[in-house]
Amino acid sequence: MSNLFDIPADKLKKLLSGYETWLKTDPKEEKYPRVEKEKSKTIKEEFLNLNVLPHMSDDELYDKIYRYSRKLEGPVAIRLGEPRLRSDLPEIRRNLMYIMTSKETPFEIAGNILEGEFKIEVFAKAFWSPILLAQFPNVLPNWNNKTEKFFKRFNVSLSTSKLSVAEKY
């Protein structure tokens, strides 16, 4: 795997060690990996499921997406109120189907959803990242503001990088 950020091995080890230490020193953060794993399981069962999603009514999907959006951290829950979720429900369903059925790489899928042809205004990383993580658990991380703050501690700035979303992932 190529290292687009050119992080030397010793700095990468320091980064990983710092992450492990950070998890152990904050009780809330120590639970984070387990909580995220449970969230991914729920997402896979509830709406990243080809046996469920195509047969789900708009009201059922809305209820699941609404509950999901209320659990997201930061201002995303405020911006994604009922009118917004209801008006964008067809595009949300389309994107969920795309995530499950596309033959593209996970990186291309993330890029298309976050900045490409499948982008839905206001629905950004905070909304899609946990869904992408659930579909591609060993490939795509849960990329949010907390992730970027952690990288900044090690002088890796993803937000100012000229790389595409697919390249950043």
N, C-alpha and C. Protein backbone atom coordinates (compact mmCIF):
# COMPACT_ATOMS: atom_id res chain seq x y z
N MET A 1 0.84 -1.18 0.00
CA MET A 1 0.00 0.00 0.00
C MET A 1 0.88 1.24 0.00
N SER A 2 0.63 2.16 -0.92
CA SER A 2 1.44 3.36 -0.97
C SER A 2 1.02 4.34 0.11
N ASN A 3 1.95 5.12 0.56
CA ASN A 3 1.72 6.08 1.63
C ASN A 3 1.72 7.47 1.02
N LEU A 4 0.51 7.98 0.69
CA LEU A 4 0.39 9.27 0.02
C LEU A 4 0.90 10.43 0.87
N PHE A 5 0.97 10.24 2.19
CA PHE A 5 1.39 11.32 3.07
C PHE A 5 2.85 11.23 3.43
N ASP A 6 3.52 10.23 2.91
CA ASP A 6 4.95 10.07 3.12
C ASP A 6 5.30 10.12 4.60
N ILE A 7 4.62 9.30 5.39
CA ILE A 7 4.89 9.24 6.83
C ILE A 7 5.96 8.18 7.05
N PRO A 8 7.10 8.56 7.60
CA PRO A 8 8.15 7.58 7.87
C PRO A 8 7.64 6.51 8.85
N ALA A 9 8.20 5.33 8.77
CA ALA A 9 7.77 4.21 9.61
C ALA A 9 7.78 4.56 11.09
N ASP A 10 8.82 5.27 11.55
CA ASP A 10 8.88 5.60 12.97
C ASP A 10 7.76 6.56 13.38
N LYS A 11 7.43 7.48 12.49
CA LYS A 11 6.34 8.42 12.79
C LYS A 11 4.99 7.70 12.76
N LEU A 12 4.84 6.75 11.84
CA LEU A 12 3.61 5.97 11.77
C LEU A 12 3.44 5.14 13.04
N LYS A 13 4.53 4.54 13.53
CA LYS A 13 4.46 3.79 14.79
C LYS A 13 4.08 4.71 15.94
N LYS A 14 4.63 5.92 15.94
CA LYS A 14 4.29 6.90 16.98
C LYS A 14 2.81 7.27 16.89
N LEU A 15 2.31 7.44 15.68
CA LEU A 15 0.91 7.75 15.45
C LEU A 15 0.01 6.65 16.02
N LEU A 16 0.32 5.41 15.69
CA LEU A 16 -0.48 4.29 16.17
C LEU A 16 -0.38 4.12 17.68
N SER A 17 0.81 4.31 18.22
CA SER A 17 1.01 4.22 19.66
C SER A 17 0.22 5.33 20.37
N GLY A 18 0.26 6.53 19.80
CA GLY A 18 -0.49 7.65 20.36
C GLY A 18 -1.98 7.39 20.35
N TYR A 19 -2.46 6.78 19.29
CA TYR A 19 -3.88 6.44 19.19
C TYR A 19 -4.26 5.44 20.28
N GLU A 20 -3.45 4.40 20.45
CA GLU A 20 -3.74 3.39 21.48
C GLU A 20 -3.71 4.02 22.88
N THR A 21 -2.75 4.88 23.14
CA THR A 21 -2.65 5.56 24.43
C THR A 21 -3.87 6.44 24.66
N TRP A 22 -4.25 7.19 23.65
CA TRP A 22 -5.41 8.08 23.74
C TRP A 22 -6.67 7.28 24.06
N LEU A 23 -6.85 6.13 23.41
CA LEU A 23 -8.02 5.30 23.69
C LEU A 23 -8.05 4.85 25.15
N LYS A 24 -6.89 4.50 25.67
CA LYS A 24 -6.82 3.96 27.04
C LYS A 24 -6.96 5.03 28.12
N THR A 25 -6.65 6.29 27.79
CA THR A 25 -6.67 7.33 28.82
C THR A 25 -8.01 8.04 28.95
N ASP A 26 -8.92 7.81 28.02
CA ASP A 26 -10.22 8.46 28.07
C ASP A 26 -11.29 7.37 28.05
N PRO A 27 -12.04 7.21 29.15
CA PRO A 27 -13.04 6.13 29.21
C PRO A 27 -14.04 6.17 28.05
N LYS A 28 -14.44 7.36 27.63
CA LYS A 28 -15.38 7.46 26.51
C LYS A 28 -14.73 6.97 25.22
N GLU A 29 -13.50 7.37 25.00
CA GLU A 29 -12.81 6.98 23.77
C GLU A 29 -12.42 5.51 23.77
N GLU A 30 -12.16 4.95 24.95
CA GLU A 30 -11.80 3.54 25.04
C GLU A 30 -12.92 2.66 24.50
N LYS A 31 -14.16 3.10 24.67
CA LYS A 31 -15.32 2.35 24.18
C LYS A 31 -15.57 2.57 22.69
N TYR A 32 -14.94 3.59 22.12
CA TYR A 32 -15.22 4.00 20.75
C TYR A 32 -15.15 2.85 19.73
N PRO A 33 -14.09 2.05 19.70
CA PRO A 33 -14.05 0.96 18.70
C PRO A 33 -15.21 -0.02 18.84
N ARG A 34 -15.57 -0.35 20.07
CA ARG A 34 -16.67 -1.29 20.30
C ARG A 34 -18.01 -0.66 19.88
N VAL A 35 -18.20 0.61 20.21
CA VAL A 35 -19.43 1.33 19.85
C VAL A 35 -19.55 1.41 18.33
N GLU A 36 -18.46 1.72 17.66
CA GLU A 36 -18.48 1.83 16.20
C GLU A 36 -18.77 0.48 15.54
N LYS A 37 -18.26 -0.59 16.11
CA LYS A 37 -18.51 -1.92 15.57
C LYS A 37 -20.00 -2.25 15.68
N GLU A 38 -20.61 -1.91 16.81
CA GLU A 38 -22.05 -2.13 16.99
C GLU A 38 -22.86 -1.27 16.04
N LYS A 39 -22.43 -0.02 15.85
CA LYS A 39 -23.12 0.87 14.92
C LYS A 39 -23.07 0.29 13.51
N SER A 40 -21.91 -0.21 13.11
CA SER A 40 -21.76 -0.82 11.78
C SER A 40 -22.68 -2.01 11.61
N LYS A 41 -22.78 -2.82 12.63
CA LYS A 41 -23.66 -3.99 12.57
C LYS A 41 -25.11 -3.57 12.37
N THR A 42 -25.54 -2.56 13.10
CA THR A 42 -26.90 -2.06 12.97
C THR A 42 -27.15 -1.49 11.58
N ILE A 43 -26.20 -0.72 11.06
CA ILE A 43 -26.34 -0.14 9.73
C ILE A 43 -26.48 -1.24 8.69
N LYS A 44 -25.64 -2.28 8.77
CA LYS A 44 -25.69 -3.40 7.82
C LYS A 44 -27.05 -4.11 7.89
N GLU A 45 -27.56 -4.30 9.08
CA GLU A 45 -28.84 -5.00 9.24
C GLU A 45 -30.02 -4.16 8.79
N GLU A 46 -29.98 -2.87 9.11
CA GLU A 46 -31.15 -2.03 8.88
C GLU A 46 -31.28 -1.45 7.49
N PHE A 47 -30.18 -0.99 6.88
CA PHE A 47 -30.34 -0.43 5.54
C PHE A 47 -29.24 -0.71 4.55
N LEU A 48 -28.21 -1.40 4.92
CA LEU A 48 -27.23 -1.86 3.92
C LEU A 48 -27.45 -3.36 3.75
N ASN A 49 -28.64 -3.69 3.30
CA ASN A 49 -29.04 -5.08 3.22
C ASN A 49 -29.91 -5.23 1.97
N LEU A 50 -29.41 -5.94 0.99
CA LEU A 50 -30.14 -6.11 -0.28
C LEU A 50 -31.43 -6.91 -0.12
N ASN A 51 -31.58 -7.63 0.97
CA ASN A 51 -32.82 -8.35 1.22
C ASN A 51 -33.87 -7.47 1.89
N VAL A 52 -33.44 -6.30 2.37
CA VAL A 52 -34.34 -5.42 3.11
C VAL A 52 -34.62 -4.11 2.37
N LEU A 53 -33.58 -3.39 1.98
CA LEU A 53 -33.74 -2.04 1.44
C LEU A 53 -34.68 -1.96 0.23
N PRO A 54 -34.57 -2.82 -0.77
CA PRO A 54 -35.46 -2.67 -1.93
C PRO A 54 -36.94 -2.83 -1.59
N HIS A 55 -37.25 -3.50 -0.50
CA HIS A 55 -38.64 -3.75 -0.12
C HIS A 55 -39.15 -2.80 0.96
N MET A 56 -38.29 -1.92 1.41
CA MET A 56 -38.63 -1.00 2.50
C MET A 56 -39.43 0.19 1.96
N SER A 57 -40.50 0.53 2.66
CA SER A 57 -41.28 1.71 2.27
C SER A 57 -40.48 2.97 2.57
N ASP A 58 -40.89 4.07 1.96
CA ASP A 58 -40.22 5.34 2.24
C ASP A 58 -40.34 5.71 3.71
N ASP A 59 -41.50 5.45 4.31
CA ASP A 59 -41.68 5.77 5.73
C ASP A 59 -40.75 4.93 6.62
N GLU A 60 -40.60 3.65 6.28
CA GLU A 60 -39.68 2.80 7.05
C GLU A 60 -38.24 3.28 6.91
N LEU A 61 -37.84 3.58 5.69
CA LEU A 61 -36.47 4.06 5.47
C LEU A 61 -36.27 5.39 6.18
N TYR A 62 -37.24 6.27 6.07
CA TYR A 62 -37.13 7.56 6.76
C TYR A 62 -36.92 7.34 8.25
N ASP A 63 -37.71 6.47 8.87
CA ASP A 63 -37.58 6.23 10.31
C ASP A 63 -36.19 5.73 10.67
N LYS A 64 -35.67 4.81 9.89
CA LYS A 64 -34.33 4.27 10.16
C LYS A 64 -33.25 5.33 9.96
N ILE A 65 -33.35 6.09 8.88
CA ILE A 65 -32.36 7.13 8.60
C ILE A 65 -32.46 8.24 9.64
N TYR A 66 -33.66 8.58 10.05
CA TYR A 66 -33.84 9.62 11.06
C TYR A 66 -33.18 9.20 12.37
N ARG A 67 -33.46 7.97 12.82
CA ARG A 67 -32.84 7.47 14.07
C ARG A 67 -31.33 7.43 13.94
N TYR A 68 -30.84 6.99 12.80
CA TYR A 68 -29.40 6.97 12.55
C TYR A 68 -28.81 8.37 12.64
N SER A 69 -29.45 9.35 12.00
CA SER A 69 -28.92 10.72 11.97
C SER A 69 -28.91 11.36 13.35
N ARG A 70 -29.82 10.97 14.23
CA ARG A 70 -29.87 11.53 15.59
C ARG A 70 -28.70 11.04 16.44
N LYS A 71 -28.08 9.95 16.05
CA LYS A 71 -26.96 9.40 16.82
C LYS A 71 -25.60 9.93 16.35
N LEU A 72 -25.60 10.68 15.25
CA LEU A 72 -24.35 11.21 14.72
C LEU A 72 -23.87 12.36 15.59
N GLU A 73 -22.56 12.50 15.68
CA GLU A 73 -21.97 13.57 16.49
C GLU A 73 -21.88 14.86 15.70
N GLY A 74 -21.90 15.97 16.41
CA GLY A 74 -21.72 17.27 15.79
C GLY A 74 -23.01 17.86 15.27
N PRO A 75 -22.88 18.88 14.44
CA PRO A 75 -24.05 19.64 13.97
C PRO A 75 -24.86 18.94 12.89
N VAL A 76 -24.43 17.77 12.45
CA VAL A 76 -25.11 17.11 11.34
C VAL A 76 -26.57 16.81 11.67
N ALA A 77 -26.87 16.40 12.90
CA ALA A 77 -28.24 16.08 13.27
C ALA A 77 -29.15 17.31 13.16
N ILE A 78 -28.61 18.47 13.45
CA ILE A 78 -29.40 19.70 13.36
C ILE A 78 -29.75 20.00 11.90
N ARG A 79 -28.78 19.86 11.02
CA ARG A 79 -28.99 20.17 9.60
C ARG A 79 -29.86 19.14 8.90
N LEU A 80 -29.94 17.93 9.45
CA LEU A 80 -30.69 16.86 8.79
C LEU A 80 -32.02 16.63 9.49
N GLY A 81 -32.86 17.62 9.50
CA GLY A 81 -34.19 17.49 10.09
C GLY A 81 -35.14 16.77 9.16
N GLU A 82 -36.38 16.61 9.60
CA GLU A 82 -37.37 15.86 8.84
C GLU A 82 -37.57 16.35 7.41
N PRO A 83 -37.75 17.66 7.17
CA PRO A 83 -37.96 18.10 5.78
C PRO A 83 -36.81 17.72 4.85
N ARG A 84 -35.59 17.91 5.35
CA ARG A 84 -34.41 17.60 4.54
C ARG A 84 -34.33 16.10 4.25
N LEU A 85 -34.50 15.28 5.29
CA LEU A 85 -34.42 13.83 5.11
C LEU A 85 -35.51 13.33 4.16
N ARG A 86 -36.72 13.83 4.34
CA ARG A 86 -37.83 13.39 3.47
C ARG A 86 -37.60 13.80 2.02
N SER A 87 -37.14 15.04 1.82
CA SER A 87 -36.95 15.51 0.43
C SER A 87 -35.80 14.79 -0.27
N ASP A 88 -34.81 14.35 0.47
CA ASP A 88 -33.65 13.68 -0.13
C ASP A 88 -33.71 12.15 -0.03
N LEU A 89 -34.83 11.62 0.44
CA LEU A 89 -34.94 10.18 0.63
C LEU A 89 -34.69 9.37 -0.64
N PRO A 90 -35.21 9.77 -1.81
CA PRO A 90 -34.91 8.98 -3.02
C PRO A 90 -33.41 8.91 -3.32
N GLU A 91 -32.69 10.03 -3.11
CA GLU A 91 -31.25 10.03 -3.36
C GLU A 91 -30.50 9.22 -2.30
N ILE A 92 -30.98 9.27 -1.07
CA ILE A 92 -30.36 8.46 -0.01
C ILE A 92 -30.51 6.98 -0.35
N ARG A 93 -31.71 6.58 -0.75
CA ARG A 93 -31.95 5.17 -1.13
C ARG A 93 -31.05 4.80 -2.30
N ARG A 94 -30.98 5.68 -3.31
CA ARG A 94 -30.12 5.44 -4.48
C ARG A 94 -28.67 5.21 -4.03
N ASN A 95 -28.17 6.08 -3.12
CA ASN A 95 -26.79 5.96 -2.67
C ASN A 95 -26.55 4.68 -1.88
N LEU A 96 -27.51 4.31 -1.06
CA LEU A 96 -27.36 3.06 -0.30
C LEU A 96 -27.28 1.86 -1.25
N MET A 97 -28.13 1.86 -2.27
CA MET A 97 -28.08 0.79 -3.27
C MET A 97 -26.75 0.81 -4.02
N TYR A 98 -26.29 2.00 -4.36
CA TYR A 98 -25.00 2.16 -5.05
C TYR A 98 -23.86 1.61 -4.20
N ILE A 99 -23.86 1.92 -2.92
CA ILE A 99 -22.81 1.42 -2.02
C ILE A 99 -22.80 -0.10 -2.01
N MET A 100 -23.97 -0.71 -2.03
CA MET A 100 -24.05 -2.17 -1.95
C MET A 100 -23.80 -2.87 -3.27
N THR A 101 -24.07 -2.23 -4.40
CA THR A 101 -24.04 -2.95 -5.67
C THR A 101 -22.95 -2.51 -6.65
N SER A 102 -22.31 -1.39 -6.40
CA SER A 102 -21.32 -0.88 -7.34
C SER A 102 -20.12 -1.82 -7.45
N LYS A 103 -19.59 -1.90 -8.65
CA LYS A 103 -18.38 -2.70 -8.90
C LYS A 103 -17.11 -1.85 -8.77
N GLU A 104 -17.29 -0.56 -8.46
CA GLU A 104 -16.14 0.33 -8.30
C GLU A 104 -15.43 0.01 -6.98
N THR A 105 -14.24 0.56 -6.84
CA THR A 105 -13.50 0.36 -5.59
C THR A 105 -14.20 1.13 -4.47
N PRO A 106 -14.01 0.72 -3.22
CA PRO A 106 -14.57 1.49 -2.10
C PRO A 106 -14.15 2.96 -2.14
N PHE A 107 -12.92 3.22 -2.58
CA PHE A 107 -12.40 4.59 -2.64
C PHE A 107 -13.17 5.42 -3.67
N GLU A 108 -13.45 4.81 -4.83
CA GLU A 108 -14.22 5.50 -5.87
C GLU A 108 -15.66 5.73 -5.40
N ILE A 109 -16.23 4.75 -4.73
CA ILE A 109 -17.60 4.89 -4.21
C ILE A 109 -17.66 6.06 -3.23
N ALA A 110 -16.71 6.10 -2.30
CA ALA A 110 -16.67 7.20 -1.33
C ALA A 110 -16.53 8.53 -2.04
N GLY A 111 -15.65 8.60 -3.03
CA GLY A 111 -15.45 9.84 -3.78
C GLY A 111 -16.71 10.28 -4.51
N ASN A 112 -17.41 9.34 -5.13
CA ASN A 112 -18.64 9.68 -5.86
C ASN A 112 -19.74 10.16 -4.93
N ILE A 113 -19.80 9.60 -3.74
CA ILE A 113 -20.85 9.99 -2.79
C ILE A 113 -20.51 11.32 -2.11
N LEU A 114 -19.26 11.51 -1.77
CA LEU A 114 -18.89 12.71 -1.01
C LEU A 114 -18.58 13.93 -1.88
N GLU A 115 -18.17 13.72 -3.14
CA GLU A 115 -17.87 14.90 -3.95
C GLU A 115 -18.20 14.72 -5.43
N GLY A 116 -18.74 13.58 -5.80
CA GLY A 116 -18.99 13.30 -7.21
C GLY A 116 -20.45 13.28 -7.60
N GLU A 117 -20.76 12.43 -8.55
CA GLU A 117 -22.10 12.40 -9.14
C GLU A 117 -23.21 12.00 -8.18
N PHE A 118 -22.89 11.36 -7.06
CA PHE A 118 -23.91 10.93 -6.10
C PHE A 118 -23.98 11.83 -4.86
N LYS A 119 -23.30 12.95 -4.91
CA LYS A 119 -23.28 13.86 -3.76
C LYS A 119 -24.68 14.45 -3.53
N ILE A 120 -25.08 14.49 -2.27
CA ILE A 120 -26.33 15.12 -1.86
C ILE A 120 -25.93 16.28 -0.94
N GLU A 121 -26.34 17.49 -1.28
CA GLU A 121 -25.98 18.66 -0.46
C GLU A 121 -26.31 18.41 1.00
N VAL A 122 -25.44 18.86 1.88
CA VAL A 122 -25.53 18.78 3.34
C VAL A 122 -25.17 17.39 3.87
N PHE A 123 -25.35 16.35 3.08
CA PHE A 123 -25.02 14.99 3.52
C PHE A 123 -23.53 14.75 3.25
N ALA A 124 -22.72 15.01 4.25
CA ALA A 124 -21.27 14.98 4.09
C ALA A 124 -20.66 13.77 4.82
N LYS A 125 -19.37 13.90 5.13
CA LYS A 125 -18.63 12.80 5.77
C LYS A 125 -19.31 12.28 7.02
N ALA A 126 -19.79 13.19 7.85
CA ALA A 126 -20.38 12.76 9.13
C ALA A 126 -21.55 11.81 8.93
N PHE A 127 -22.29 12.01 7.85
CA PHE A 127 -23.43 11.14 7.56
C PHE A 127 -22.98 9.85 6.87
N TRP A 128 -22.17 9.97 5.83
CA TRP A 128 -21.82 8.81 5.00
C TRP A 128 -20.69 7.95 5.54
N SER A 129 -19.77 8.53 6.28
CA SER A 129 -18.60 7.78 6.72
C SER A 129 -18.95 6.51 7.52
N PRO A 130 -19.85 6.57 8.51
CA PRO A 130 -20.18 5.33 9.22
C PRO A 130 -20.84 4.29 8.31
N ILE A 131 -21.58 4.75 7.31
CA ILE A 131 -22.22 3.83 6.37
C ILE A 131 -21.17 3.17 5.49
N LEU A 132 -20.22 3.96 5.01
CA LEU A 132 -19.13 3.41 4.20
C LEU A 132 -18.28 2.45 5.02
N LEU A 133 -18.03 2.80 6.27
CA LEU A 133 -17.28 1.91 7.17
C LEU A 133 -18.01 0.58 7.34
N ALA A 134 -19.33 0.64 7.50
CA ALA A 134 -20.12 -0.58 7.69
C ALA A 134 -20.03 -1.49 6.46
N GLN A 135 -20.03 -0.90 5.27
CA GLN A 135 -19.95 -1.70 4.05
C GLN A 135 -18.54 -2.19 3.75
N PHE A 136 -17.56 -1.37 4.09
CA PHE A 136 -16.16 -1.70 3.78
C PHE A 136 -15.31 -1.61 5.05
N PRO A 137 -15.56 -2.47 6.03
CA PRO A 137 -14.94 -2.33 7.36
C PRO A 137 -13.42 -2.45 7.39
N ASN A 138 -12.84 -3.18 6.50
CA ASN A 138 -11.39 -3.35 6.52
C ASN A 138 -10.68 -2.46 5.51
N VAL A 139 -11.45 -1.55 4.91
CA VAL A 139 -10.88 -0.70 3.87
C VAL A 139 -11.04 0.78 4.20
N LEU A 140 -12.27 1.20 4.50
CA LEU A 140 -12.54 2.62 4.74
C LEU A 140 -12.72 2.88 6.23
N PRO A 141 -12.09 3.93 6.74
CA PRO A 141 -12.24 4.27 8.16
C PRO A 141 -13.47 5.14 8.39
N ASN A 142 -13.84 5.29 9.65
CA ASN A 142 -14.86 6.26 10.01
C ASN A 142 -14.14 7.61 10.04
N TRP A 143 -14.30 8.36 8.98
CA TRP A 143 -13.56 9.60 8.79
C TRP A 143 -14.45 10.77 9.19
N ASN A 144 -14.10 11.42 10.29
CA ASN A 144 -14.89 12.55 10.76
C ASN A 144 -13.94 13.63 11.29
N ASN A 145 -14.50 14.66 11.90
CA ASN A 145 -13.65 15.75 12.41
C ASN A 145 -12.68 15.26 13.48
N LYS A 146 -13.10 14.29 14.28
CA LYS A 146 -12.22 13.73 15.31
C LYS A 146 -11.00 13.08 14.64
N THR A 147 -11.23 12.40 13.53
CA THR A 147 -10.14 11.77 12.79
C THR A 147 -9.16 12.82 12.30
N GLU A 148 -9.69 13.89 11.72
CA GLU A 148 -8.83 14.94 11.18
C GLU A 148 -8.04 15.64 12.29
N LYS A 149 -8.67 15.87 13.44
CA LYS A 149 -7.96 16.49 14.56
C LYS A 149 -6.80 15.60 15.01
N PHE A 150 -7.05 14.30 15.04
CA PHE A 150 -6.00 13.37 15.45
C PHE A 150 -4.84 13.42 14.46
N PHE A 151 -5.14 13.40 13.16
CA PHE A 151 -4.08 13.48 12.15
C PHE A 151 -3.30 14.78 12.26
N LYS A 152 -3.98 15.87 12.55
CA LYS A 152 -3.30 17.17 12.65
C LYS A 152 -2.24 17.15 13.74
N ARG A 153 -2.45 16.37 14.78
CA ARG A 153 -1.44 16.25 15.84
C ARG A 153 -0.12 15.73 15.29
N PHE A 154 -0.20 15.04 14.17
CA PHE A 154 0.99 14.46 13.56
C PHE A 154 1.30 15.12 12.22
N ASN A 155 0.82 16.36 12.08
CA ASN A 155 1.08 17.18 10.89
C ASN A 155 0.61 16.54 9.59
N VAL A 156 -0.50 15.82 9.64
CA VAL A 156 -1.13 15.28 8.45
C VAL A 156 -2.47 15.99 8.32
N SER A 157 -2.57 16.88 7.35
CA SER A 157 -3.80 17.66 7.18
C SER A 157 -4.54 17.18 5.95
N LEU A 158 -5.64 16.49 6.17
CA LEU A 158 -6.44 16.00 5.05
C LEU A 158 -7.34 17.10 4.50
N SER A 159 -7.78 18.01 5.35
CA SER A 159 -8.73 19.03 4.90
C SER A 159 -8.10 20.03 3.95
N THR A 160 -6.82 20.27 4.05
CA THR A 160 -6.18 21.24 3.15
C THR A 160 -5.48 20.55 1.98
N SER A 161 -5.46 19.25 1.97
CA SER A 161 -4.81 18.51 0.91
C SER A 161 -5.56 18.69 -0.41
N LYS A 162 -4.84 18.72 -1.50
CA LYS A 162 -5.46 18.85 -2.81
C LYS A 162 -5.85 17.48 -3.38
N LEU A 163 -5.73 16.44 -2.59
CA LEU A 163 -6.11 15.12 -3.04
C LEU A 163 -7.64 15.01 -3.11
N SER A 164 -8.12 14.17 -4.00
CA SER A 164 -9.56 13.92 -4.07
C SER A 164 -9.97 13.10 -2.85
N VAL A 165 -11.26 13.00 -2.62
CA VAL A 165 -11.76 12.19 -1.51
C VAL A 165 -11.31 10.74 -1.67
N ALA A 166 -11.39 10.22 -2.89
CA ALA A 166 -10.96 8.84 -3.13
C ALA A 166 -9.50 8.65 -2.75
N GLU A 167 -8.64 9.63 -3.10
CA GLU A 167 -7.22 9.54 -2.77
C GLU A 167 -7.00 9.68 -1.26
N LYS A 168 -7.77 10.55 -0.62
CA LYS A 168 -7.62 10.71 0.83
C LYS A 168 -7.99 9.42 1.56
N TYR A 169 -9.08 8.80 1.15
CA TYR A 169 -9.45 7.52 1.77
C TYR A 169 -8.36 6.49 1.51
